[in-house]
């Protein structure tokens, strides 16, 4: 799949030709440098390794420096491999947001916002135990029963409970590209994408 690495700028809304207000996300997509070309003969698979967002020399180790020097570029903060790229590209080539066209659909992958340790109401959408009245004391946000007693005498795996929420790899599929601003490397997609502002995302088509 062809794609680019980008950074989530934030959300806004635009009006379509019918006057409908559409929520959308602005992504800074690229420019990405081809930092390595994987081939079947050498690596056993074919893929393109892309780098995005320059790293300072102070935070670059020698091994990274040598790797990126082959591509004729400075070290990058984010490096991702893309398999089955539609077109062939050479080492050191720069890919821009022109890879995408308005009206097509893309998949956006990112790390969702971390929420910390959360209860079952926020984490799984539980409604609490019973009602809020009729002598209800302190069970409004409680998880309730987690299983039977003497048999099976254990809690089944996968039981929905409180725990660490968010901070996971999430892919949102089939987001429509509403606008491509080539001179500013901006991509505007319909709907929301995972992650906080300025977080890295992977856009694939």
C-alpha atoms as a PDB file:
ATOM      1  CA  UNK A   1       0.000   0.000   0.000  1.00  0.00           C
ATOM      2  CA  UNK A   2       1.281   3.452  -0.901  1.00  0.00           C
ATOM      3  CA  UNK A   3       1.393   5.935   1.914  1.00  0.00           C
ATOM      4  CA  UNK A   4       3.135   8.674   3.857  1.00  0.00           C
ATOM      5  CA  UNK A   5       4.053   9.511   7.432  1.00  0.00           C
ATOM      6  CA  UNK A   6       2.391  12.622   8.803  1.00  0.00           C
ATOM      7  CA  UNK A   7       1.593  14.679  11.850  1.00  0.00           C
ATOM      8  CA  UNK A   8      -1.889  15.411  13.164  1.00  0.00           C
ATOM      9  CA  UNK A   9      -2.389  19.181  13.299  1.00  0.00           C
ATOM     10  CA  UNK A  10      -5.922  19.239  14.711  1.00  0.00           C
ATOM     11  CA  UNK A  11      -9.603  19.280  13.814  1.00  0.00           C
ATOM     12  CA  UNK A  12     -11.765  21.847  12.056  1.00  0.00           C
ATOM     13  CA  UNK A  13     -14.853  21.883   9.836  1.00  0.00           C
ATOM     14  CA  UNK A  14     -15.540  22.949   6.277  1.00  0.00           C
ATOM     15  CA  UNK A  15     -18.693  23.469   4.228  1.00  0.00           C
ATOM     16  CA  UNK A  16     -19.357  21.342   1.134  1.00  0.00           C
ATOM     17  CA  UNK A  17     -21.085  22.508  -2.064  1.00  0.00           C
ATOM     18  CA  UNK A  18     -24.497  21.765  -0.502  1.00  0.00           C
ATOM     19  CA  UNK A  19     -23.806  23.960   2.519  1.00  0.00           C
ATOM     20  CA  UNK A  20     -23.389  21.003   4.877  1.00  0.00           C
ATOM     21  CA  UNK A  21     -20.859  21.468   7.690  1.00  0.00           C
ATOM     22  CA  UNK A  22     -18.371  18.551   7.635  1.00  0.00           C
ATOM     23  CA  UNK A  23     -16.007  17.819  10.560  1.00  0.00           C
ATOM     24  CA  UNK A  24     -12.489  17.081   9.344  1.00  0.00           C
ATOM     25  CA  UNK A  25      -8.905  16.574  10.487  1.00  0.00           C
ATOM     26  CA  UNK A  26      -5.891  18.465   9.141  1.00  0.00           C
ATOM     27  CA  UNK A  27      -2.741  16.349   8.716  1.00  0.00           C
ATOM     28  CA  UNK A  28       0.732  17.524   7.748  1.00  0.00           C
ATOM     29  CA  UNK A  29       1.611  14.689   5.344  1.00  0.00           C
ATOM     30  CA  UNK A  30       5.274  14.555   4.358  1.00  0.00           C
ATOM     31  CA  UNK A  31       7.579  15.419   2.804  1.00  0.00           C
ATOM     32  CA  UNK A  32       9.016  11.933   3.386  1.00  0.00           C
ATOM     33  CA  UNK A  33      12.443  10.763   2.219  1.00  0.00           C
ATOM     34  CA  UNK A  34      13.069   7.225   0.946  1.00  0.00           C
ATOM     35  CA  UNK A  35      15.720   6.110   3.449  1.00  0.00           C
ATOM     36  CA  UNK A  36      15.972   2.465   2.338  1.00  0.00           C
ATOM     37  CA  UNK A  37      14.695   0.242  -0.462  1.00  0.00           C
ATOM     38  CA  UNK A  38      14.030  -3.345   0.630  1.00  0.00           C
ATOM     39  CA  UNK A  39      14.324  -5.991  -2.099  1.00  0.00           C
ATOM     40  CA  UNK A  40      13.470  -9.693  -2.343  1.00  0.00           C
ATOM     41  CA  UNK A  41      17.069 -10.601  -3.238  1.00  0.00           C
ATOM     42  CA  UNK A  42      18.678  -8.932  -0.217  1.00  0.00           C
ATOM     43  CA  UNK A  43      15.948  -8.720   2.452  1.00  0.00           C
ATOM     44  CA  UNK A  44      13.511 -11.474   1.418  1.00  0.00           C
ATOM     45  CA  UNK A  45      10.676  -8.997   0.894  1.00  0.00           C
ATOM     46  CA  UNK A  46      10.095  -5.758  -0.980  1.00  0.00           C
ATOM     47  CA  UNK A  47       9.217  -2.521   0.789  1.00  0.00           C
ATOM     48  CA  UNK A  48      10.043   1.173   0.986  1.00  0.00           C
ATOM     49  CA  UNK A  49      11.379   2.698   4.183  1.00  0.00           C
ATOM     50  CA  UNK A  50      10.319   6.329   4.595  1.00  0.00           C
ATOM     51  CA  UNK A  51      11.605   8.895   7.079  1.00  0.00           C
ATOM     52  CA  UNK A  52       9.778  11.972   8.374  1.00  0.00           C
ATOM     53  CA  UNK A  53      10.601  14.945  10.631  1.00  0.00           C
ATOM     54  CA  UNK A  54      14.267  15.930  10.968  1.00  0.00           C
ATOM     55  CA  UNK A  55      16.246  15.009  14.059  1.00  0.00           C
ATOM     56  CA  UNK A  56      18.868  17.310  15.544  1.00  0.00           C
ATOM     57  CA  UNK A  57      22.502  16.229  15.312  1.00  0.00           C
ATOM     58  CA  UNK A  58      22.702  16.299  19.112  1.00  0.00           C
ATOM     59  CA  UNK A  59      20.092  13.523  19.404  1.00  0.00           C
ATOM     60  CA  UNK A  60      21.438  11.357  16.564  1.00  0.00           C
ATOM     61  CA  UNK A  61      23.603   8.294  17.255  1.00  0.00           C
ATOM     62  CA  UNK A  62      26.392   7.305  14.839  1.00  0.00           C
ATOM     63  CA  UNK A  63      24.552   4.230  13.531  1.00  0.00           C
ATOM     64  CA  UNK A  64      21.563   6.348  12.523  1.00  0.00           C
ATOM     65  CA  UNK A  65      23.846   8.966  11.006  1.00  0.00           C
ATOM     66  CA  UNK A  66      25.455   6.373   8.731  1.00  0.00           C
ATOM     67  CA  UNK A  67      22.114   4.861   7.731  1.00  0.00           C
ATOM     68  CA  UNK A  68      20.590   8.189   6.660  1.00  0.00           C
ATOM     69  CA  UNK A  69      23.824   9.368   5.020  1.00  0.00           C
ATOM     70  CA  UNK A  70      23.353   6.669   2.356  1.00  0.00           C
ATOM     71  CA  UNK A  71      20.067   8.352   1.405  1.00  0.00           C
ATOM     72  CA  UNK A  72      21.734  11.762   1.414  1.00  0.00           C
ATOM     73  CA  UNK A  73      19.560  13.163   4.180  1.00  0.00           C
ATOM     74  CA  UNK A  74      19.693  14.018   7.882  1.00  0.00           C
ATOM     75  CA  UNK A  75      18.430  11.611  10.550  1.00  0.00           C
ATOM     76  CA  UNK A  76      14.654  11.360  10.923  1.00  0.00           C
ATOM     77  CA  UNK A  77      12.520  11.075  14.064  1.00  0.00           C
ATOM     78  CA  UNK A  78       9.975   8.681  12.545  1.00  0.00           C
ATOM     79  CA  UNK A  79      10.814   5.815  10.186  1.00  0.00           C
ATOM     80  CA  UNK A  80       8.158   3.475   8.740  1.00  0.00           C
ATOM     81  CA  UNK A  81       8.226   0.718   6.129  1.00  0.00           C
ATOM     82  CA  UNK A  82       5.492   0.481   3.488  1.00  0.00           C
ATOM     83  CA  UNK A  83       4.997  -2.826   1.681  1.00  0.00           C
ATOM     84  CA  UNK A  84       3.497  -3.156  -1.809  1.00  0.00           C
ATOM     85  CA  UNK A  85       4.136   0.454  -2.848  1.00  0.00           C
ATOM     86  CA  UNK A  86       2.338   1.183  -6.121  1.00  0.00           C
ATOM     87  CA  UNK A  87       5.291   2.855  -7.840  1.00  0.00           C
ATOM     88  CA  UNK A  88       9.033   2.247  -7.703  1.00  0.00           C
ATOM     89  CA  UNK A  89      11.127   4.895  -5.972  1.00  0.00           C
ATOM     90  CA  UNK A  90      14.859   5.341  -5.573  1.00  0.00           C
ATOM     91  CA  UNK A  91      16.938   5.900  -2.445  1.00  0.00           C
ATOM     92  CA  UNK A  92      16.921   9.545  -1.368  1.00  0.00           C
ATOM     93  CA  UNK A  93      13.770  10.411  -3.332  1.00  0.00           C
ATOM     94  CA  UNK A  94      11.344  12.817  -1.642  1.00  0.00           C
ATOM     95  CA  UNK A  95       7.634  11.924  -1.556  1.00  0.00           C
ATOM     96  CA  UNK A  96       5.099  14.676  -0.989  1.00  0.00           C
ATOM     97  CA  UNK A  97       1.371  15.005  -0.327  1.00  0.00           C
ATOM     98  CA  UNK A  98       0.817  14.938  -4.123  1.00  0.00           C
ATOM     99  CA  UNK A  99       0.658  11.149  -3.646  1.00  0.00           C
ATOM    100  CA  UNK A 100      -3.002  11.654  -2.661  1.00  0.00           C
ATOM    101  CA  UNK A 101      -5.857  13.096  -4.675  1.00  0.00           C
ATOM    102  CA  UNK A 102      -9.088  14.728  -3.545  1.00  0.00           C
ATOM    103  CA  UNK A 103     -12.053  12.367  -3.337  1.00  0.00           C
ATOM    104  CA  UNK A 104     -10.128   9.147  -2.708  1.00  0.00           C
ATOM    105  CA  UNK A 105     -10.308   7.123   0.520  1.00  0.00           C
ATOM    106  CA  UNK A 106      -7.396   6.522   2.893  1.00  0.00           C
ATOM    107  CA  UNK A 107      -6.671   4.577   6.094  1.00  0.00           C
ATOM    108  CA  UNK A 108      -5.072   6.522   8.950  1.00  0.00           C
ATOM    109  CA  UNK A 109      -3.177   4.756  11.722  1.00  0.00           C
ATOM    110  CA  UNK A 110      -2.045   6.341  14.992  1.00  0.00           C
ATOM    111  CA  UNK A 111      -1.691   5.824  18.729  1.00  0.00           C
ATOM    112  CA  UNK A 112      -4.901   6.746  20.561  1.00  0.00           C
ATOM    113  CA  UNK A 113      -4.901   9.213  23.455  1.00  0.00           C
ATOM    114  CA  UNK A 114      -3.817   7.610  26.726  1.00  0.00           C
ATOM    115  CA  UNK A 115      -6.528   7.931  29.407  1.00  0.00           C
ATOM    116  CA  UNK A 116      -4.747   6.204  32.285  1.00  0.00           C
ATOM    117  CA  UNK A 117      -6.499   3.713  34.612  1.00  0.00           C
ATOM    118  CA  UNK A 118     -10.247   4.008  34.007  1.00  0.00           C
ATOM    119  CA  UNK A 119     -13.343   2.303  35.375  1.00  0.00           C
ATOM    120  CA  UNK A 120     -15.827   0.169  33.452  1.00  0.00           C
ATOM    121  CA  UNK A 121     -18.251   3.040  32.715  1.00  0.00           C
ATOM    122  CA  UNK A 122     -15.667   5.096  30.817  1.00  0.00           C
ATOM    123  CA  UNK A 123     -13.701   2.126  29.456  1.00  0.00           C
ATOM    124  CA  UNK A 124     -16.526  -0.163  28.292  1.00  0.00           C
ATOM    125  CA  UNK A 125     -19.673   1.964  28.490  1.00  0.00           C
ATOM    126  CA  UNK A 126     -21.280   0.093  31.397  1.00  0.00           C
ATOM    127  CA  UNK A 127     -24.473   1.633  32.801  1.00  0.00           C
ATOM    128  CA  UNK A 128     -23.836   0.872  36.466  1.00  0.00           C
ATOM    129  CA  UNK A 129     -25.733  -1.587  38.667  1.00  0.00           C
ATOM    130  CA  UNK A 130     -29.480  -0.992  39.111  1.00  0.00           C
ATOM    131  CA  UNK A 131     -30.938   2.498  39.356  1.00  0.00           C
ATOM    132  CA  UNK A 132     -29.775   5.736  40.898  1.00  0.00           C
ATOM    133  CA  UNK A 133     -32.591   5.679  43.458  1.00  0.00           C
ATOM    134  CA  UNK A 134     -34.626   3.141  45.534  1.00  0.00           C
ATOM    135  CA  UNK A 135     -31.971   2.787  48.198  1.00  0.00           C
ATOM    136  CA  UNK A 136     -29.055   2.570  45.782  1.00  0.00           C
ATOM    137  CA  UNK A 137     -26.003   3.271  47.900  1.00  0.00           C
ATOM    138  CA  UNK A 138     -22.673   3.169  46.022  1.00  0.00           C
ATOM    139  CA  UNK A 139     -23.118   0.877  42.997  1.00  0.00           C
ATOM    140  CA  UNK A 140     -23.779   3.458  40.255  1.00  0.00           C
ATOM    141  CA  UNK A 141     -20.412   3.030  38.512  1.00  0.00           C
ATOM    142  CA  UNK A 142     -19.582  -0.446  39.814  1.00  0.00           C
ATOM    143  CA  UNK A 143     -18.733  -3.382  37.478  1.00  0.00           C
ATOM    144  CA  UNK A 144     -21.192  -5.792  39.134  1.00  0.00           C
ATOM    145  CA  UNK A 145     -20.740  -9.569  39.132  1.00  0.00           C
ATOM    146  CA  UNK A 146     -17.745 -11.027  37.298  1.00  0.00           C
ATOM    147  CA  UNK A 147     -18.916 -14.668  37.307  1.00  0.00           C
ATOM    148  CA  UNK A 148     -20.515 -17.563  39.188  1.00  0.00           C
ATOM    149  CA  UNK A 149     -19.283 -18.972  42.509  1.00  0.00           C
ATOM    150  CA  UNK A 150     -18.639 -22.708  42.954  1.00  0.00           C
ATOM    151  CA  UNK A 151     -18.612 -23.399  39.223  1.00  0.00           C
ATOM    152  CA  UNK A 152     -16.474 -22.500  37.315  1.00  0.00           C
ATOM    153  CA  UNK A 153     -14.719 -21.056  40.407  1.00  0.00           C
ATOM    154  CA  UNK A 154     -12.754 -18.638  38.259  1.00  0.00           C
ATOM    155  CA  UNK A 155     -13.159 -15.500  36.183  1.00  0.00           C
ATOM    156  CA  UNK A 156     -13.212 -16.113  32.439  1.00  0.00           C
ATOM    157  CA  UNK A 157     -10.441 -14.564  30.364  1.00  0.00           C
ATOM    158  CA  UNK A 158     -11.497 -11.423  28.511  1.00  0.00           C
ATOM    159  CA  UNK A 159     -13.876 -10.275  31.245  1.00  0.00           C
ATOM    160  CA  UNK A 160     -14.390  -6.539  30.793  1.00  0.00           C
ATOM    161  CA  UNK A 161     -12.987  -4.770  33.833  1.00  0.00           C
ATOM    162  CA  UNK A 162     -11.357  -1.505  34.837  1.00  0.00           C
ATOM    163  CA  UNK A 163      -7.828  -0.944  33.573  1.00  0.00           C
ATOM    164  CA  UNK A 164      -5.369   1.039  31.515  1.00  0.00           C
ATOM    165  CA  UNK A 165      -7.249   2.743  28.696  1.00  0.00           C
ATOM    166  CA  UNK A 166      -6.040   4.216  25.405  1.00  0.00           C
ATOM    167  CA  UNK A 167      -2.461   4.425  24.157  1.00  0.00           C
ATOM    168  CA  UNK A 168      -3.085   1.699  21.581  1.00  0.00           C
ATOM    169  CA  UNK A 169      -2.471   1.429  17.846  1.00  0.00           C
ATOM    170  CA  UNK A 170      -5.756   2.307  16.142  1.00  0.00           C
ATOM    171  CA  UNK A 171      -6.528   2.361  12.409  1.00  0.00           C
ATOM    172  CA  UNK A 172      -9.480   4.328  11.036  1.00  0.00           C
ATOM    173  CA  UNK A 173     -10.422   3.037   7.593  1.00  0.00           C
ATOM    174  CA  UNK A 174     -11.975   4.716   4.547  1.00  0.00           C
ATOM    175  CA  UNK A 175     -11.597   8.379   5.429  1.00  0.00           C
ATOM    176  CA  UNK A 176     -12.381  10.610   2.457  1.00  0.00           C
ATOM    177  CA  UNK A 177      -9.733  13.099   1.336  1.00  0.00           C
ATOM    178  CA  UNK A 178     -11.535  16.436   1.185  1.00  0.00           C
ATOM    179  CA  UNK A 179      -8.640  18.709   0.292  1.00  0.00           C
ATOM    180  CA  UNK A 180      -4.948  18.530  -0.643  1.00  0.00           C
ATOM    181  CA  UNK A 181      -2.899  21.692  -0.012  1.00  0.00           C
ATOM    182  CA  UNK A 182       0.333  20.844  -1.840  1.00  0.00           C
ATOM    183  CA  UNK A 183       2.302  24.034  -1.085  1.00  0.00           C
ATOM    184  CA  UNK A 184       1.854  23.547   2.681  1.00  0.00           C
ATOM    185  CA  UNK A 185       1.984  19.696   2.670  1.00  0.00           C
ATOM    186  CA  UNK A 186      -1.485  19.555   4.217  1.00  0.00           C
ATOM    187  CA  UNK A 187      -4.080  16.819   3.852  1.00  0.00           C
ATOM    188  CA  UNK A 188      -7.661  17.382   5.018  1.00  0.00           C
ATOM    189  CA  UNK A 189      -9.624  14.178   5.684  1.00  0.00           C
ATOM    190  CA  UNK A 190     -13.252  13.734   6.705  1.00  0.00           C
ATOM    191  CA  UNK A 191     -13.859  12.721  10.332  1.00  0.00           C
ATOM    192  CA  UNK A 192     -11.414  12.128  13.160  1.00  0.00           C
ATOM    193  CA  UNK A 193      -8.110  10.275  13.413  1.00  0.00           C
ATOM    194  CA  UNK A 194      -6.554   8.710  16.538  1.00  0.00           C
ATOM    195  CA  UNK A 195      -4.014  10.504  18.701  1.00  0.00           C
ATOM    196  CA  UNK A 196      -3.401  13.884  20.276  1.00  0.00           C
ATOM    197  CA  UNK A 197      -2.328  17.018  18.422  1.00  0.00           C
ATOM    198  CA  UNK A 198       1.176  16.831  16.903  1.00  0.00           C
ATOM    199  CA  UNK A 199       1.216  13.023  17.157  1.00  0.00           C
ATOM    200  CA  UNK A 200       2.595  10.967  14.262  1.00  0.00           C
ATOM    201  CA  UNK A 201       0.148   9.176  11.971  1.00  0.00           C
ATOM    202  CA  UNK A 202       0.521   6.839   9.005  1.00  0.00           C
ATOM    203  CA  UNK A 203      -1.671   7.531   5.978  1.00  0.00           C
ATOM    204  CA  UNK A 204      -2.179   4.645   3.516  1.00  0.00           C
ATOM    205  CA  UNK A 205      -4.233   4.252   0.371  1.00  0.00           C
END
